[in-house]
Amino acid sequence: MNAFEHELAAAIGRATGQAFMPGVTRTMHGGDISEAVTLADATRTFFVKIQPAPRPSAGRASGGVPLAGAVTGIEMFEAEAAGLAELAAANAVRVPGVIVHGQATDRAFLVLEYLPLGSRGDAAQLGRQLAQLHRVGAPQFGGARDNWIGATPQPNAWCDDWVEFWCARRLGHQLQLAAQNGYVGALQRDGEALMARLGDLFTAYRPQPSLLHGDLWGGNHGFLDDGTPVIFDPAVYYGDREADLAMSELFGGFAPDFHAAYREAWPVDAGYTVRRTLYNLYHILNHANLFGGGYAAQAQRMMAQLLADIR
């Protein structure tokens, strides 16, 4: 083993109270941000996420200029561990247990319980459990700490008003990053117009702060062999439960039974079909800032649709 692996194994041993000397290391695929491996000895297996410490900043600013200052893998993993702990405390949906996180040599690590996952299981149970998770509330919108949505910093400072929170901490934040990335003109014009009229989408609907996964696309859930649902890679905060539901529909990946069971457990408001576009706009803007491509044009189309719906 190299120096990093020795320090990582020692950290796992201290955290678990049992010496750990991995004999098998397997690279896992599918992550966009972190390197992922499993480490195993004769009796135990752990899932480990690894990043440089510090890691490059998020965004695609011209000339290589960082968008949000230095970002460290340590900070990202601290936030992820805190989010997983908050989801676990809700005792609603299974999440991987956090073993330990820290830094070894020049890399940050997050060690999690290893859960062998498949793509098929009890989707209806997941829908019911998500509704249970969303019933965990808070006095305000936001969270105790900032975190990341993908590789983009996500501000979560507490706010009493949901429309203000969504304008300042979500749409406004992404539009500011978009301007730094060169997305100006009509995108910014329509974004400002939308934020000015955002309250019109909430005249008869008053969301309450619900505990959210925050990044609930299809790739962030799976099932154990017995069908038990598992969610992971969160971007936790307290917000409108519709935001989680909207993202679950953005890229697909959730079975119809999931959606039906959730709505049976907790019906959604009639205005959700319009606000779904609003909530997914945040993620499409984030994709534009991270990946470029056609996401900026998609975001502008979504803004135009929302402005038409408001009028």
Protein backbone atom coordinates (compact mmCIF):
# COMPACT_ATOMS: atom_id res chain seq x y z
CA MET A 1 0.00 0.00 0.00
CA ASN A 2 1.08 3.58 -0.61
CA ALA A 3 1.15 6.29 2.08
CA PHE A 4 -2.41 7.42 1.38
CA GLU A 5 -3.80 3.90 1.63
CA HIS A 6 -1.91 3.28 4.90
CA GLU A 7 -3.31 6.46 6.46
CA LEU A 8 -6.81 5.73 5.17
CA ALA A 9 -6.75 2.18 6.58
CA ALA A 10 -5.52 3.52 9.91
CA ALA A 11 -8.36 6.06 10.01
CA ILE A 12 -10.92 3.31 9.37
CA GLY A 13 -9.36 1.22 12.13
CA ARG A 14 -9.55 4.09 14.62
CA ALA A 15 -13.15 4.90 13.68
CA THR A 16 -14.36 1.31 13.95
CA GLY A 17 -12.20 0.23 16.87
CA GLN A 18 -10.91 -2.70 14.84
CA ALA A 19 -7.69 -2.79 12.84
CA PHE A 20 -8.29 -2.72 9.10
CA MET A 21 -5.84 -3.95 6.50
CA PRO A 22 -7.51 -4.04 3.07
CA GLY A 23 -6.54 -6.86 0.77
CA VAL A 24 -8.80 -5.93 -2.13
CA THR A 25 -9.29 -2.49 -3.70
CA ARG A 26 -11.86 -2.12 -6.46
CA THR A 27 -12.50 1.02 -8.50
CA MET A 28 -16.17 1.95 -8.79
CA HIS A 29 -17.64 3.78 -11.76
CA GLY A 30 -20.43 6.31 -12.18
CA GLY A 31 -19.33 9.32 -10.11
CA ASP A 32 -18.75 12.66 -11.84
CA ILE A 33 -16.96 14.45 -8.99
CA SER A 34 -15.14 11.99 -6.76
CA GLU A 35 -12.99 8.95 -7.32
CA ALA A 36 -14.76 5.99 -5.73
CA VAL A 37 -13.36 2.66 -4.56
CA THR A 38 -14.30 -0.21 -2.31
CA LEU A 39 -11.79 -1.46 0.23
CA ALA A 40 -12.18 -4.95 1.68
CA ASP A 41 -10.42 -7.26 4.07
CA ALA A 42 -11.50 -10.80 4.90
CA THR A 43 -14.66 -9.72 6.73
CA ARG A 44 -15.52 -6.09 5.97
CA THR A 45 -16.04 -3.87 2.94
CA PHE A 46 -16.18 -0.07 2.86
CA PHE A 47 -17.12 2.39 0.15
CA VAL A 48 -14.66 5.29 -0.12
CA LYS A 49 -14.95 8.59 -1.99
CA ILE A 50 -11.70 10.42 -2.69
CA GLN A 51 -10.91 13.93 -3.89
CA PRO A 52 -7.86 16.18 -4.06
CA ALA A 53 -7.54 18.42 -1.03
CA PRO A 54 -8.02 21.13 -2.09
CA ARG A 55 -9.92 20.29 -5.28
CA PRO A 56 -10.47 22.63 -8.24
CA SER A 57 -13.33 25.13 -7.93
CA ALA A 58 -16.64 24.50 -9.66
CA GLY A 59 -17.67 26.25 -12.84
CA ARG A 60 -16.30 27.09 -16.25
CA ALA A 61 -15.25 30.72 -15.98
CA SER A 62 -13.21 31.92 -18.96
CA GLY A 63 -9.45 31.98 -18.52
CA GLY A 64 -9.61 29.40 -15.77
CA VAL A 65 -10.70 31.96 -13.16
CA PRO A 66 -12.37 30.20 -10.19
CA LEU A 67 -16.02 31.08 -9.64
CA ALA A 68 -16.20 30.69 -5.89
CA GLY A 69 -12.69 30.65 -4.45
CA ALA A 70 -10.85 27.57 -3.28
CA VAL A 71 -12.98 24.51 -2.67
CA THR A 72 -11.58 21.62 -0.68
CA GLY A 73 -12.62 18.02 -0.87
CA ILE A 74 -12.49 18.06 2.92
CA GLU A 75 -15.26 20.67 3.08
CA MET A 76 -17.37 18.86 0.52
CA PHE A 77 -17.10 15.56 2.38
CA GLU A 78 -17.84 17.23 5.73
CA ALA A 79 -21.03 18.64 4.24
CA GLU A 80 -22.00 15.33 2.65
CA ALA A 81 -21.40 13.46 5.91
CA ALA A 82 -23.55 15.98 7.79
CA GLY A 83 -26.32 15.61 5.21
CA LEU A 84 -26.27 11.82 5.41
CA ALA A 85 -26.39 12.02 9.20
CA GLU A 86 -29.41 14.33 9.06
CA LEU A 87 -31.22 12.01 6.65
CA ALA A 88 -30.38 9.00 8.82
CA ALA A 89 -31.71 10.74 11.94
CA ALA A 90 -35.08 11.17 10.23
CA ASN A 91 -35.42 7.36 10.24
CA ALA A 92 -37.42 7.44 7.01
CA VAL A 93 -35.25 6.24 4.09
CA ARG A 94 -32.12 4.09 4.35
CA VAL A 95 -28.86 5.92 3.66
CA PRO A 96 -25.26 4.65 3.84
CA GLY A 97 -23.79 5.05 7.29
CA VAL A 98 -20.85 7.43 7.68
CA ILE A 99 -17.71 5.71 9.03
CA VAL A 100 -15.12 8.51 8.95
CA HIS A 101 -13.97 11.42 6.83
CA GLY A 102 -10.76 13.42 6.78
CA GLN A 103 -7.51 13.90 4.90
CA ALA A 104 -4.57 11.61 4.22
CA THR A 105 -1.48 12.93 2.41
CA ASP A 106 -2.84 15.28 -0.28
CA ARG A 107 -6.29 13.74 -0.62
CA ALA A 108 -9.61 14.03 1.20
CA PHE A 109 -11.70 10.94 1.87
CA LEU A 110 -15.18 9.96 2.98
CA VAL A 111 -15.63 6.37 4.13
CA LEU A 112 -19.18 5.00 4.04
CA GLU A 113 -20.91 1.76 4.83
CA TYR A 114 -20.78 -0.41 1.73
CA LEU A 115 -24.25 -1.27 0.47
CA PRO A 116 -24.46 -3.53 -2.61
CA LEU A 117 -27.18 -1.87 -4.68
CA GLY A 118 -29.26 -2.81 -7.68
CA SER A 119 -31.67 -0.85 -9.83
CA ARG A 120 -34.80 -2.84 -8.95
CA GLY A 121 -36.67 -2.97 -5.66
CA ASP A 122 -39.71 -1.67 -3.84
CA ALA A 123 -40.33 1.64 -5.60
CA ALA A 124 -43.64 2.13 -3.80
CA GLN A 125 -41.88 1.81 -0.45
CA LEU A 126 -39.45 4.51 -1.54
CA GLY A 127 -42.35 6.81 -2.41
CA ARG A 128 -43.94 6.32 1.00
CA GLN A 129 -40.63 6.75 2.79
CA LEU A 130 -39.84 9.95 0.91
CA ALA A 131 -43.18 11.37 2.00
CA GLN A 132 -42.25 10.42 5.57
CA LEU A 133 -38.88 12.16 5.17
CA HIS A 134 -40.59 15.30 3.90
CA ARG A 135 -42.74 15.47 7.02
CA VAL A 136 -39.59 16.24 9.02
CA GLY A 137 -39.70 20.03 9.30
CA ALA A 138 -37.77 23.05 10.54
CA PRO A 139 -38.69 26.59 11.66
CA GLN A 140 -37.14 28.16 8.53
CA PHE A 141 -36.02 27.35 5.02
CA GLY A 142 -32.36 26.52 4.45
CA GLY A 143 -29.88 24.60 6.52
CA ALA A 144 -27.31 24.74 9.28
CA ARG A 145 -24.48 24.76 6.74
CA ASP A 146 -23.83 25.38 3.08
CA ASN A 147 -23.10 22.39 0.86
CA TRP A 148 -22.72 21.52 -2.83
CA ILE A 149 -25.05 20.62 -5.67
CA GLY A 150 -22.75 18.50 -7.77
CA ALA A 151 -19.52 20.52 -7.79
CA THR A 152 -21.29 23.88 -7.35
CA PRO A 153 -21.45 25.58 -3.95
CA GLN A 154 -25.04 25.67 -2.65
CA PRO A 155 -25.81 28.44 -0.11
CA ASN A 156 -28.32 27.47 2.57
CA ALA A 157 -28.46 30.43 4.99
CA TRP A 158 -31.75 30.31 6.90
CA CYS A 159 -34.65 32.38 5.59
CA ASP A 160 -38.24 32.83 6.78
CA ASP A 161 -39.69 33.35 3.31
CA TRP A 162 -39.55 30.61 0.67
CA VAL A 163 -39.81 32.91 -2.35
CA GLU A 164 -36.97 35.03 -1.00
CA PHE A 165 -34.91 31.91 -0.32
CA TRP A 166 -35.45 30.53 -3.81
CA CYS A 167 -34.64 33.85 -5.47
CA ALA A 168 -31.49 34.58 -3.47
CA ARG A 169 -30.03 31.14 -2.68
CA ARG A 170 -31.08 29.22 -5.77
CA LEU A 171 -32.04 31.06 -8.98
CA GLY A 172 -30.13 34.24 -8.22
CA HIS A 173 -27.05 32.28 -7.22
CA GLN A 174 -27.06 30.19 -10.40
CA LEU A 175 -27.71 33.24 -12.58
CA GLN A 176 -24.74 35.01 -11.02
CA LEU A 177 -22.53 32.01 -11.81
CA ALA A 178 -24.00 31.93 -15.32
CA ALA A 179 -23.04 35.58 -15.86
CA GLN A 180 -19.48 34.78 -14.78
CA ASN A 181 -19.51 31.94 -17.29
CA GLY A 182 -20.51 34.28 -20.08
CA TYR A 183 -24.23 33.51 -20.15
CA VAL A 184 -25.60 37.04 -20.35
CA GLY A 185 -28.20 38.82 -22.46
CA ALA A 186 -31.59 37.15 -22.73
CA LEU A 187 -30.85 34.52 -20.08
CA GLN A 188 -30.16 37.18 -17.46
CA ARG A 189 -33.03 39.38 -18.65
CA ASP A 190 -35.57 36.57 -18.42
CA GLY A 191 -34.10 35.39 -15.14
CA GLU A 192 -34.52 38.80 -13.56
CA ALA A 193 -38.09 39.04 -14.90
CA LEU A 194 -38.91 35.62 -13.49
CA MET A 195 -37.53 36.42 -10.04
CA ALA A 196 -39.53 39.66 -9.97
CA ARG A 197 -42.74 37.69 -10.58
CA LEU A 198 -41.91 34.57 -8.61
CA GLY A 199 -44.41 35.31 -5.86
CA ASP A 200 -47.22 34.90 -8.39
CA LEU A 201 -46.57 31.15 -8.38
CA PHE A 202 -47.25 31.00 -4.64
CA THR A 203 -50.41 33.06 -4.19
CA ALA A 204 -52.52 30.07 -3.12
CA TYR A 205 -49.74 27.72 -2.06
CA ARG A 206 -47.66 28.10 1.09
CA PRO A 207 -44.91 25.49 1.30
CA GLN A 208 -43.57 24.47 4.67
CA PRO A 209 -39.90 23.64 5.29
CA SER A 210 -39.41 19.93 4.65
CA LEU A 211 -36.21 17.92 4.98
CA LEU A 212 -35.06 17.38 1.39
CA HIS A 213 -32.52 15.08 -0.18
CA GLY A 214 -31.78 18.02 -2.47
CA ASP A 215 -30.30 16.15 -5.46
CA LEU A 216 -32.87 13.43 -6.04
CA TRP A 217 -32.20 12.34 -9.61
CA GLY A 218 -32.47 8.70 -10.60
CA GLY A 219 -28.76 7.98 -10.18
CA ASN A 220 -28.87 8.81 -6.47
CA HIS A 221 -31.09 5.94 -5.39
CA GLY A 222 -30.93 2.17 -5.51
CA PHE A 223 -32.18 -0.96 -3.78
CA LEU A 224 -30.72 -3.67 -1.58
CA ASP A 225 -31.19 -7.32 -2.53
CA ASP A 226 -34.29 -7.53 -0.32
CA GLY A 227 -35.87 -4.56 -2.13
CA THR A 228 -35.11 -1.96 0.56
CA PRO A 229 -34.69 1.52 -0.99
CA VAL A 230 -31.51 3.51 -0.41
CA ILE A 231 -30.77 7.15 -1.22
CA PHE A 232 -27.30 8.71 -1.27
CA ASP A 233 -25.16 11.65 -2.53
CA PRO A 234 -27.46 14.27 -0.96
CA ALA A 235 -27.44 18.08 -1.03
CA VAL A 236 -29.59 18.40 2.08
CA TYR A 237 -31.61 21.47 3.10
CA TYR A 238 -35.13 22.32 4.29
CA GLY A 239 -37.39 23.52 1.51
CA ASP A 240 -40.54 22.91 -0.48
CA ARG A 241 -41.04 19.15 -0.84
CA GLU A 242 -42.03 19.76 -4.46
CA ALA A 243 -38.36 20.50 -5.23
CA ASP A 244 -37.41 16.87 -4.54
CA LEU A 245 -40.40 15.58 -6.48
CA ALA A 246 -39.57 17.81 -9.44
CA MET A 247 -36.01 16.55 -9.72
CA SER A 248 -37.18 12.96 -9.49
CA GLU A 249 -38.98 13.64 -12.79
CA LEU A 250 -36.23 15.68 -14.49
CA PHE A 251 -34.07 12.87 -15.89
CA GLY A 252 -36.35 9.90 -15.23
CA GLY A 253 -35.15 6.78 -13.43
CA PHE A 254 -38.00 6.45 -10.92
CA ALA A 255 -40.70 3.82 -11.45
CA PRO A 256 -44.36 4.85 -11.73
CA ASP A 257 -45.06 3.05 -8.43
CA PHE A 258 -42.76 5.52 -6.69
CA HIS A 259 -44.75 8.55 -7.84
CA ALA A 260 -48.12 6.91 -7.20
CA ALA A 261 -47.19 5.81 -3.67
CA TYR A 262 -45.85 9.24 -2.76
CA ARG A 263 -49.04 10.96 -3.92
CA GLU A 264 -51.17 8.45 -2.06
CA ALA A 265 -49.20 9.13 1.12
CA TRP A 266 -49.17 12.91 0.63
CA PRO A 267 -51.07 14.39 -2.33
CA VAL A 268 -49.45 17.26 -4.22
CA ASP A 269 -50.95 20.68 -4.88
CA ALA A 270 -52.56 21.33 -8.26
CA GLY A 271 -50.00 24.02 -9.04
CA TYR A 272 -47.12 21.56 -8.85
CA THR A 273 -47.06 20.99 -12.61
CA VAL A 274 -46.03 24.64 -13.12
CA ARG A 275 -43.67 24.86 -10.15
CA ARG A 276 -41.98 21.63 -11.27
CA THR A 277 -40.47 23.63 -14.13
CA LEU A 278 -39.33 26.32 -11.70
CA TYR A 279 -37.56 23.85 -9.43
CA ASN A 280 -35.92 21.97 -12.28
CA LEU A 281 -34.73 25.26 -13.78
CA TYR A 282 -32.28 25.44 -10.88
CA HIS A 283 -30.71 22.13 -11.86
CA ILE A 284 -30.62 22.94 -15.57
CA LEU A 285 -28.86 26.23 -14.82
CA ASN A 286 -26.42 24.29 -12.66
CA HIS A 287 -25.75 21.90 -15.54
CA ALA A 288 -25.15 24.88 -17.83
CA ASN A 289 -22.61 26.24 -15.36
CA LEU A 290 -20.88 22.89 -14.93
CA PHE A 291 -21.08 21.34 -18.38
CA GLY A 292 -22.11 23.99 -20.91
CA GLY A 293 -23.62 22.47 -24.03
CA GLY A 294 -27.29 23.12 -24.69
CA TYR A 295 -28.32 23.52 -21.06
CA ALA A 296 -28.34 27.34 -21.19
CA ALA A 297 -30.77 27.30 -24.12
CA GLN A 298 -32.92 24.76 -22.27
CA ALA A 299 -32.93 27.03 -19.21
CA GLN A 300 -34.05 29.99 -21.29
CA ARG A 301 -36.92 27.96 -22.75
CA MET A 302 -38.00 26.99 -19.25
CA MET A 303 -37.94 30.63 -18.16
CA ALA A 304 -40.05 31.64 -21.15
CA GLN A 305 -42.59 28.94 -20.28
CA LEU A 306 -42.77 30.04 -16.65
CA LEU A 307 -43.20 33.70 -17.60
CA ALA A 308 -46.00 32.70 -19.98
CA ASP A 309 -47.66 30.68 -17.22
CA ILE A 310 -47.48 33.63 -14.82
CA ARG A 311 -49.04 36.02 -17.34
